[in-house]
Structures are given as structure tokens and as C-alpha cells.
Protein backbone atom coordinates (compact mmCIF):
# COMPACT_ATOMS: atom_id res chain seq x y z
CA MET A 1 19.76 -30.60 -16.82
CA LYS A 2 17.80 -28.14 -14.69
CA CYS A 3 14.31 -29.14 -13.67
CA ILE A 4 11.80 -26.53 -14.77
CA ASN A 5 9.20 -25.72 -12.13
CA LYS A 6 6.02 -25.55 -14.22
CA LYS A 7 3.98 -24.38 -11.24
CA HIS A 8 6.35 -21.45 -10.72
CA ILE A 9 6.14 -20.49 -14.40
CA SER A 10 2.36 -20.74 -14.31
CA SER A 11 2.30 -18.46 -11.26
CA LYS A 12 4.43 -15.87 -13.05
CA GLU A 13 2.16 -15.98 -16.09
CA THR A 14 -0.86 -15.54 -13.84
CA GLN A 15 0.75 -12.54 -12.17
CA LEU A 16 1.56 -11.00 -15.55
CA LYS A 17 -2.03 -11.42 -16.70
CA LYS A 18 -3.28 -9.98 -13.41
CA ALA A 19 -0.89 -7.02 -13.67
CA LYS A 20 -2.14 -6.16 -17.17
CA GLY A 21 -5.76 -6.03 -16.01
CA PRO A 22 -8.90 -5.61 -18.13
CA TYR A 23 -7.87 -2.34 -19.83
CA TRP A 24 -4.63 -3.58 -21.39
CA THR A 25 -4.24 -2.64 -25.05
CA LYS A 26 -2.11 -3.72 -28.02
CA LYS A 27 -0.36 -0.33 -27.92
CA ASN A 28 0.58 -0.95 -24.29
CA GLU A 29 1.90 -4.40 -25.20
CA ALA A 30 3.97 -3.04 -28.05
CA PHE A 31 5.39 -0.28 -25.83
CA CYS A 32 6.48 -2.74 -23.13
CA ILE A 33 8.04 -5.12 -25.67
CA GLU A 34 10.03 -2.26 -27.21
CA VAL A 35 11.29 -1.09 -23.80
CA LEU A 36 12.03 -4.69 -22.80
CA GLU A 37 14.19 -5.22 -25.88
CA SER A 38 16.24 -2.12 -25.12
CA ILE A 39 16.64 -3.14 -21.46
CA GLN A 40 17.80 -6.66 -22.32
CA LEU A 41 20.99 -5.19 -23.73
CA GLN A 42 21.91 -4.60 -20.07
CA GLN A 43 20.59 -7.96 -18.93
CA ASP A 44 23.86 -8.87 -17.21
CA LYS A 45 23.29 -5.97 -14.80
CA ILE A 46 19.69 -6.90 -14.00
CA ALA A 47 18.70 -9.77 -11.71
CA LEU A 48 15.29 -10.21 -13.33
CA THR A 49 14.15 -12.66 -16.00
CA SER A 50 12.42 -11.47 -19.17
CA ASN A 51 9.04 -12.43 -17.70
CA ASP A 52 9.82 -10.54 -14.50
CA LEU A 53 10.94 -7.50 -16.47
CA MET A 54 7.69 -7.53 -18.41
CA ILE A 55 5.73 -7.60 -15.14
CA THR A 56 7.65 -4.59 -13.84
CA LEU A 57 7.03 -2.61 -17.05
CA VAL A 58 3.34 -3.49 -17.02
CA LEU A 59 3.10 -2.33 -13.39
CA LEU A 60 4.81 0.94 -14.29
CA LEU A 61 2.57 1.63 -17.26
CA ASN A 62 -0.61 0.88 -15.32
CA SER A 63 0.58 3.01 -12.40
CA CYS A 64 0.97 5.89 -14.85
CA ARG A 65 -2.52 5.31 -16.27
CA ASN A 66 -4.05 5.15 -12.79
CA SER A 67 -2.37 8.39 -11.73
CA ILE A 68 -3.84 10.22 -14.74
CA SER A 69 -7.37 8.93 -14.13
CA ARG A 70 -7.11 9.58 -10.37
CA VAL A 71 -6.74 13.36 -10.71
CA LYS A 72 -9.84 13.45 -12.95
CA ASP A 73 -12.05 11.41 -10.62
CA LYS A 74 -14.28 13.67 -8.48
CA SER A 75 -14.94 10.81 -6.05
CA LYS A 76 -11.24 10.78 -5.08
CA LYS A 77 -11.15 14.03 -3.13
CA THR A 78 -7.51 13.60 -2.09
CA TYR A 79 -6.35 13.51 -5.72
CA PHE A 80 -9.01 15.27 -7.79
CA GLY A 81 -7.78 18.43 -9.48
CA LYS A 82 -4.11 17.86 -8.62
CA GLU A 83 -1.64 18.96 -11.27
CA HIS A 84 -0.53 16.23 -13.66
CA GLY A 85 2.35 16.58 -16.06
CA PHE A 86 1.03 14.07 -18.59
CA ASN A 87 -2.09 13.12 -20.54
CA ASN A 88 -0.80 9.82 -21.89
CA SER A 89 0.39 6.89 -19.78
CA ARG A 90 3.02 5.71 -22.28
CA GLU A 91 4.54 9.20 -22.55
CA MET A 92 4.63 9.39 -18.77
CA ALA A 93 6.29 5.97 -18.45
CA GLU A 94 8.86 6.94 -21.10
CA ALA A 95 9.73 10.13 -19.20
CA LEU A 96 10.08 8.23 -15.92
CA ILE A 97 12.31 5.61 -17.53
CA ALA A 98 14.55 8.42 -18.77
CA LYS A 99 14.65 10.02 -15.31
CA GLU A 100 17.97 9.45 -13.55
CA ASN A 101 17.96 6.41 -11.22
CA PHE A 102 14.19 5.94 -11.50
CA LEU A 103 14.24 2.69 -13.47
CA ARG A 104 16.95 1.22 -11.25
CA GLU A 105 14.84 1.96 -8.13
CA TRP A 106 11.71 0.60 -9.81
CA PHE A 107 13.51 -2.67 -10.63
CA ARG A 108 14.89 -2.90 -7.10
CA CYS A 109 11.41 -2.52 -5.64
CA CYS A 110 10.01 -5.04 -8.14
CA GLU A 111 12.68 -7.58 -7.18
CA LEU A 112 11.43 -7.42 -3.59
CA TYR A 113 7.82 -7.62 -4.75
CA ILE A 114 8.54 -10.79 -6.75
CA ALA A 115 10.85 -12.30 -4.10
CA TYR A 116 8.14 -11.92 -1.43
CA GLY A 117 5.54 -13.69 -3.53
CA PHE A 118 3.80 -10.61 -4.99
CA LYS A 119 2.57 -9.41 -1.59
CA LEU A 120 0.83 -6.05 -1.86
CA GLU A 121 2.95 -4.25 0.75
CA HIS A 122 6.03 -4.68 -1.48
CA ARG A 123 4.40 -3.62 -4.75
CA PRO A 124 6.18 -0.67 -6.43
CA THR A 125 4.13 2.52 -6.67
CA LEU A 126 4.52 6.07 -7.92
CA GLY A 127 4.90 8.06 -4.72
CA ARG A 128 4.53 11.82 -4.57
CA ILE A 129 7.37 13.41 -2.63
CA ASP A 130 5.14 16.31 -1.57
CA HIS A 131 1.51 15.17 -1.14
CA ASP A 132 0.27 18.73 -1.55
CA LEU A 133 1.61 18.72 -5.10
CA GLY A 134 0.59 16.65 -8.09
CA TYR A 135 2.06 14.07 -10.46
CA THR A 136 4.89 16.03 -12.00
CA LEU A 137 8.17 14.43 -13.00
CA GLU A 138 10.18 16.21 -10.30
CA ASN A 139 7.64 15.27 -7.58
CA LEU A 140 7.62 11.52 -8.24
CA GLU A 141 9.75 8.77 -6.77
CA VAL A 142 9.57 4.99 -6.38
CA GLN A 143 7.91 3.85 -3.16
CA GLY A 144 6.81 0.44 -1.96
CA TYR A 145 3.04 0.23 -1.42
CA SER A 146 3.26 0.10 2.39
CA ILE A 147 5.56 3.14 2.55
CA ASN A 148 3.38 5.10 0.14
CA THR A 149 0.13 4.37 1.97
CA SER A 150 1.61 4.99 5.42
CA SER A 151 2.99 8.37 4.36
CA ARG A 152 -0.43 9.31 2.95
CA MET A 153 -2.08 8.19 6.18
CA ARG A 154 0.31 10.30 8.26
CA GLU A 155 -0.36 13.30 6.04
CA ARG A 156 -4.14 12.82 6.17
CA SER A 157 -4.30 12.21 9.91
CA SER A 158 -2.35 15.42 10.59
CA LYS A 159 -4.86 17.67 8.83
CA GLU A 160 -7.13 20.06 10.69
CA CYS A 161 -10.59 18.64 11.18
CA ALA A 162 -13.97 18.99 12.85
CA ALA A 163 -15.38 16.45 15.29
CA ILE A 164 -19.09 15.94 15.99
CA VAL A 165 -20.23 13.77 18.88
CA VAL A 166 -23.92 13.02 19.48
CA LEU A 167 -24.77 11.63 22.93
CA LYS A 168 -28.09 9.83 23.34
CA GLU A 169 -28.47 10.10 27.13
CA SER A 170 -27.92 13.87 27.38
CA GLU A 171 -29.40 14.71 23.95
CA LYS A 172 -26.29 16.74 23.17
CA LEU A 173 -24.37 17.41 20.01
CA ILE A 174 -20.80 18.41 20.86
CA LEU A 175 -18.83 20.25 18.17
CA LEU A 176 -15.02 20.46 18.26
CA GLU A 177 -12.42 22.06 16.00
CA CYS A 178 -9.20 20.02 16.14
CA SER A 179 -5.66 20.23 14.83
CA SER A 180 -5.55 16.62 13.63
CA GLY A 181 -7.42 13.32 13.66
CA LYS A 182 -5.34 12.15 16.62
CA ASN A 183 -6.07 15.38 18.48
CA ALA A 184 -9.80 14.95 17.75
CA ILE A 185 -9.85 11.51 19.35
CA GLN A 186 -7.95 12.83 22.36
CA ARG A 187 -10.32 15.77 22.85
CA ILE A 188 -13.43 13.64 22.40
CA ASN A 189 -12.22 11.37 25.19
CA GLU A 190 -11.45 14.38 27.38
CA VAL A 191 -14.97 15.81 27.18
CA THR A 192 -16.95 12.54 27.13
CA ASP A 193 -16.63 9.11 28.71
CA ILE A 194 -17.02 7.06 25.53
CA GLU A 195 -13.27 6.18 25.23
CA ILE A 196 -13.06 6.19 21.44
CA THR A 197 -9.96 4.76 19.68
CA ARG A 198 -8.77 4.94 16.07
CA SER A 199 -9.39 1.20 15.63
CA LEU A 200 -13.08 1.71 16.46
CA LEU A 201 -13.52 4.27 13.70
CA ARG A 202 -14.20 3.40 10.07
CA GLY A 203 -13.25 5.52 7.07
CA ASN A 204 -10.74 8.35 6.63
CA LEU A 205 -10.53 12.09 7.24
CA THR A 206 -11.45 12.90 3.63
CA SER A 207 -14.85 11.20 3.69
CA GLY A 208 -15.13 11.09 7.48
CA LEU A 209 -14.08 8.77 10.31
CA ARG A 210 -17.28 7.39 11.82
CA ARG A 211 -18.68 5.24 14.58
CA SER A 212 -22.25 4.85 15.81
CA ASN A 213 -23.88 2.59 18.39
CA LYS A 214 -26.85 2.68 20.79
CA GLU A 215 -25.23 5.27 23.06
CA TYR A 216 -23.38 7.70 20.80
CA SER A 217 -22.38 8.71 17.29
CA VAL A 218 -19.01 10.15 16.24
CA LEU A 219 -17.89 11.89 13.04
CA ILE A 220 -14.37 13.27 12.50
CA ILE A 221 -13.84 14.91 9.12
CA GLY A 222 -11.05 16.97 7.55
CA LYS A 223 -11.82 20.67 7.22
CA GLU A 224 -10.71 20.66 3.57
CA SER A 225 -13.63 18.31 2.81
CA LEU A 226 -16.05 20.90 4.23
CA MET A 227 -14.95 23.76 1.99
CA GLY A 228 -17.77 24.60 -0.39
CA THR A 229 -19.51 21.27 0.21
CA PRO A 230 -21.53 21.05 3.46
CA GLU A 231 -21.59 17.68 5.19
CA ILE A 232 -25.21 16.77 5.96
CA ILE A 233 -25.53 14.79 9.19
CA GLU A 234 -28.59 12.69 9.90
CA LEU A 235 -28.95 12.81 13.69
CA PRO A 236 -29.17 9.25 15.10
CA PHE A 237 -30.74 10.37 18.41
CA PRO A 238 -32.97 13.24 19.58
CA VAL A 239 -30.83 16.35 20.08
CA THR A 240 -32.01 19.49 21.85
CA VAL A 241 -28.86 21.63 21.94
CA ILE A 242 -25.38 22.04 20.47
CA HIS A 243 -22.55 22.25 23.02
CA ASP A 244 -18.89 23.12 22.92
CA GLU A 245 -16.18 20.96 24.50
CA LYS A 246 -16.81 22.57 27.92
CA HIS A 247 -20.49 21.63 27.63
CA ASN A 248 -21.49 25.27 27.27
CA SER A 249 -24.82 25.58 25.48
CA LEU A 250 -24.51 27.17 22.05
CA ILE A 251 -27.87 27.09 20.33
CA ALA A 252 -31.08 25.36 21.27
CA LEU A 253 -33.20 23.34 18.89
CA SER A 254 -36.12 25.49 17.82
CA ASN A 255 -38.22 22.74 16.29
CA GLU A 256 -38.58 19.19 17.64
CA SER A 257 -38.90 17.86 14.09
CA ASP A 258 -35.38 18.95 13.13
CA THR A 259 -33.35 15.81 12.46
CA LYS A 260 -30.41 17.09 10.41
CA THR A 261 -27.43 19.35 10.76
CA SER A 262 -25.10 20.77 8.15
CA ILE A 263 -21.43 21.45 8.84
CA TYR A 264 -19.17 23.43 6.49
CA ILE A 265 -16.37 25.97 6.14
CA ASP A 266 -17.53 29.39 4.98
CA GLU A 267 -15.75 31.76 2.59
CA LYS A 268 -13.79 33.29 5.49
CA GLY A 269 -12.47 29.91 6.60
CA ALA A 270 -14.74 29.66 9.67
CA LEU A 271 -16.33 26.39 10.74
CA ARG A 272 -20.14 26.59 10.81
CA ILE A 273 -22.91 24.23 11.81
CA ASP A 274 -26.62 24.63 11.00
CA TRP A 275 -29.87 23.05 12.03
CA ILE A 276 -31.78 21.97 8.94
CA ASP A 277 -35.57 21.74 8.72
CA ASN A 278 -37.12 20.64 5.43
CA GLN A 279 -33.84 21.47 3.65
CA GLN A 280 -33.88 25.06 4.98
CA THR A 281 -31.22 26.48 7.25
CA ILE A 282 -32.78 27.93 10.40
CA ASN A 283 -29.85 28.61 12.73
CA TYR A 284 -26.08 28.43 12.82
CA VAL A 285 -23.05 28.45 15.06
CA ASN A 286 -19.70 29.88 14.00
CA ILE A 287 -16.46 28.77 15.65
CA ILE A 288 -13.87 31.55 15.84
CA GLU A 289 -10.54 31.76 17.61
CA ARG A 290 -9.86 34.54 20.06
CA GLU A 291 -6.86 34.83 22.41
CA GLY A 292 -5.83 31.24 21.71
CA GLN A 293 -9.18 29.70 22.67
CA ASP A 294 -12.23 28.56 20.78
CA THR A 295 -15.19 30.88 21.28
CA TRP A 296 -18.62 30.75 19.77
CA GLN A 297 -21.19 33.13 18.36
């Protein structure tokens, strides 16, 4: 007679409860049970127990629900407004299950997730093949969590961005237009001696990579986040002038009480930065490209 590991069963039950989460409904439960019953007809081809299969279906259904809510959430700038092919999570899950090879790949990923003790990096996710597109059936594939997040990070870090460096000692604000987050870090280190690294920065290119200490302040932000929504920057140190990467003076501070700047992309796609005094714009710089080099006006 086989000895039943009660601790192992308890762990699986805990994981199932955790996977369902606080928003689980009776309709979701009924859907998963119906799918489970149809899948069990092929049980000899699947290396998962009934409990494991239920966990995988719960994960799929909740991933569908999360994808629908994500494109409607204005706080998630990377996803908000993206096209979505479904309005209902159960309809979306049903379509994915019917998609050729999808369920087999989802089970394969779930087997790894369970075998490695439910570690997050192995969790199955709905990955978008093209991150510029939305959650449509043809643009979705199964990806482990670590692969999905790393591909998103690569895509985000390669986007064009603006970098703002404020130096306390020289009272300078240096403004750079960069081809990527990596390029921004490289160029900041070329024109200053602060030796910034990615590990020192906190955040992401959508909301801004940031670091501030007693000597300097750094902000690197994706240009797409500056379109139509200016980023207001509270200056951490006194600043008297804005400089370019060659330390050429751009505009001088006209009022010693000015403590804010605003950076944004205008309707022509140009990067602009303004001094702000009592919420009123009083001056601006416009980066333009001419003959392969950044110039200023």
C-alpha cells in the first residue's frame, strides 16, 4: 500500500486556493470543472493529477482575467489601451484551449512550475509575441514567467528615452536624448563622473529610472511616457542653467525661486524642457536633430 504524503496534499490544496485568489467565482469553478472533465478523457497522455490539472486551469483563467483588466488600467502605461480580443475571461480561455498546441504547451509549462515547487520564474503566463500589439489570439503564446518578464525588460530598455542629470556642485541640469536606457547610462557616465549603473537605479523606463543622493539626481524616462503628459521634476538642488552633454549652456534660470522643470514631447515629436514658476511655463528648450547631431534652440 502506498503511503500518502498528507503534507504534500496539503501543499497542493494551498497552492490551488492561492491560485484562485480573492476574486474566484462559482462560474469560474464550474467552467474549470467542465474543462477538467473533458481533459480527463485523455488522462493517459497527461502527466498531471486531477488536482494539478485544476491548478493549471485556474492559472489560465486568472491570466485571461488579468490581461483584460490590464489593458483598461490607466496606471499600467505599458498595457493601457492595447487591443484585446475578448471581454470575458472564460470565453478567452475557451478560445485559447481550442488553439492548436496551446493547451499542450500550457500543461508542459505547468508541469515545470509544479515540479520546481511553484517557484515564480516557472509560472506559466500569457506572453505577447509582439509587445507592440495587444492580447489577440494570434499574438499570444505560452511563456514561463522569467522568459516573459525578461523579454518585456529587453523591449522596454531598448526604447528611446530622455535623461536628466542634476549636479549639486556645478548647479547644472544636463539634458540628454538617448536611443535606449543602456545608451542613457553610457552617455551619462561619459559627460559626468558619477559612474551610474543599472543596479543603482530604481524603477523602469515607463515611470522613470531614478537615483538621488547628496551629490546628484538622475532620471531616465521613455519618450513614449512624455507624449501628451509632461513629467514634472522637483529639482533637488539649486540649478542655474540647463546644459547639453557637451556642457554648452542652453538657457539660464531667470528667477531664483524656480524649483521645477517640465519635460515632454510636443506634437511634432520634439523633446522639450521648461522652467516652471508658480505652475506657469516661462522658458523652454527644444532638442532637434541636424546632420546627425543633437542641436538646441
